Amino acid sequence: MTVIVANHTPEAVRGMLKRWFVEPRPNVFVGTLNRRTRDKTLDYIKRNAAGLGMLIISSDNNCQGFKIETYGDTHRRDTEISGLWLVAEEWVEESNVPF
C-alpha cells in the first residue's frame, strides 16, 4: 500500500496519479502498487513537478510495516529513531534545546 500526500498537485501529475491511485481527498492518493511501479511513478513526479512537496508512506519490511519519505517542502520532517518512523511537525535543533 502506498499513500501520497502532496501540496498543490499540477493537473497533468494528478491525472497520471489517478491511473494507479484513488484520490479520497484533494491531493491525497492511496493505492496498492508493486515496488517497481511505485518507484517509476515517483520518479515521474519528481521530474515533472520539481516544486511539489510530498509525504510518501509505503509498505516496508520493518516492525511498523511501513516507511515514510518526504520530497520537497512538506512543512514536516520525517525521521527514523530506533527503527520507528516518526513525523515531526516542528523540529528543534539540538543546539537550541532549552534544557
Protein backbone atom coordinates (compact mmCIF):
# COMPACT_ATOMS: atom_id res chain seq x y z
CA MET A 1 0.00 0.00 0.00
CA THR A 2 1.21 3.49 -0.80
CA VAL A 3 -0.18 6.81 0.40
CA ILE A 4 0.98 10.10 -1.12
CA VAL A 5 0.03 13.43 0.42
CA ALA A 6 1.01 16.20 -1.98
CA ASN A 7 0.93 20.00 -1.98
CA HIS A 8 -0.63 21.74 -5.00
CA THR A 9 -0.56 18.85 -7.48
CA PRO A 10 -0.45 20.00 -11.14
CA GLU A 11 -3.34 18.68 -13.27
CA ALA A 12 -1.07 16.56 -15.51
CA VAL A 13 0.53 14.86 -12.50
CA ARG A 14 -2.86 14.43 -10.78
CA GLY A 15 -4.23 12.73 -13.92
CA MET A 16 -1.25 10.37 -14.06
CA LEU A 17 -1.60 9.52 -10.36
CA LYS A 18 -5.28 8.69 -10.82
CA ARG A 19 -4.25 5.81 -13.11
CA TRP A 20 -2.76 3.99 -10.13
CA PHE A 21 -4.30 5.62 -7.06
CA VAL A 22 -7.68 6.56 -5.59
CA GLU A 23 -7.96 10.22 -4.53
CA PRO A 24 -10.24 10.19 -1.42
CA ARG A 25 -9.47 13.85 -0.67
CA PRO A 26 -7.79 16.53 -2.78
CA ASN A 27 -4.05 15.83 -3.08
CA VAL A 28 -4.23 12.57 -1.07
CA PHE A 29 -3.59 9.46 -3.18
CA VAL A 30 -3.94 5.87 -1.94
CA GLY A 31 -3.12 2.72 -3.89
CA THR A 32 -1.52 -0.70 -3.94
CA LEU A 33 1.39 -0.84 -6.35
CA ASN A 34 4.39 -3.07 -6.72
CA ARG A 35 7.74 -1.51 -5.84
CA ARG A 36 8.84 -1.01 -9.45
CA THR A 37 5.65 0.82 -10.47
CA ARG A 38 5.75 2.96 -7.32
CA ASP A 39 9.38 3.94 -7.91
CA LYS A 40 8.75 4.78 -11.59
CA THR A 41 5.68 6.84 -10.63
CA LEU A 42 7.61 8.79 -8.00
CA ASP A 43 10.49 9.39 -10.45
CA TYR A 44 7.97 10.76 -12.98
CA ILE A 45 6.54 13.13 -10.38
CA LYS A 46 10.00 14.33 -9.31
CA ARG A 47 10.97 15.02 -12.93
CA ASN A 48 7.74 16.77 -13.96
CA ALA A 49 6.74 18.60 -10.77
CA ALA A 50 10.03 19.61 -9.20
CA GLY A 51 8.45 22.14 -6.80
CA LEU A 52 5.88 19.68 -5.47
CA GLY A 53 6.07 18.74 -1.79
CA MET A 54 5.13 15.12 -1.00
CA LEU A 55 4.84 12.92 2.06
CA ILE A 56 5.02 9.28 0.94
CA ILE A 57 4.04 6.39 3.20
CA SER A 58 4.62 2.93 1.73
CA SER A 59 4.69 -0.69 2.87
CA ASP A 60 8.06 -1.97 4.06
CA ASN A 61 9.54 -4.96 5.88
CA ASN A 62 10.16 -3.42 9.31
CA CYS A 63 8.48 -3.56 12.72
CA GLN A 64 5.91 -0.89 11.79
CA GLY A 65 5.20 -2.35 8.37
CA PHE A 66 5.74 0.97 6.55
CA LYS A 67 8.33 3.63 5.78
CA ILE A 68 7.95 7.38 5.42
CA GLU A 69 9.70 9.55 2.84
CA THR A 70 9.40 13.24 2.07
CA TYR A 71 10.21 15.13 -1.09
CA GLY A 72 10.27 18.89 -1.45
CA ASP A 73 8.75 21.29 1.08
CA THR A 74 6.17 19.49 3.22
CA HIS A 75 6.41 21.58 6.43
CA ARG A 76 7.11 18.27 8.19
CA ARG A 77 10.29 16.32 8.83
CA ASP A 78 10.44 12.53 8.76
CA THR A 79 12.93 10.73 10.95
CA GLU A 80 13.70 7.18 11.98
CA ILE A 81 14.51 6.59 15.64
CA SER A 82 15.40 3.06 16.79
CA GLY A 83 13.64 1.59 13.77
CA LEU A 84 10.42 3.59 14.25
CA TRP A 85 9.35 6.16 11.66
CA LEU A 86 8.12 9.46 13.07
CA VAL A 87 6.92 12.72 11.51
CA ALA A 88 7.80 15.93 13.35
CA GLU A 89 5.53 18.93 12.85
CA GLU A 90 8.11 21.19 14.45
CA TRP A 91 11.82 20.45 14.59
CA VAL A 92 14.14 21.92 17.21
CA GLU A 93 17.86 21.65 16.54
CA GLU A 94 19.87 20.18 19.41
CA SER A 95 21.81 23.44 19.84
CA ASN A 96 18.51 25.29 20.55
CA VAL A 97 17.11 22.85 23.14
CA PRO A 98 16.34 24.83 26.32
CA PHE A 99 17.39 22.05 28.76
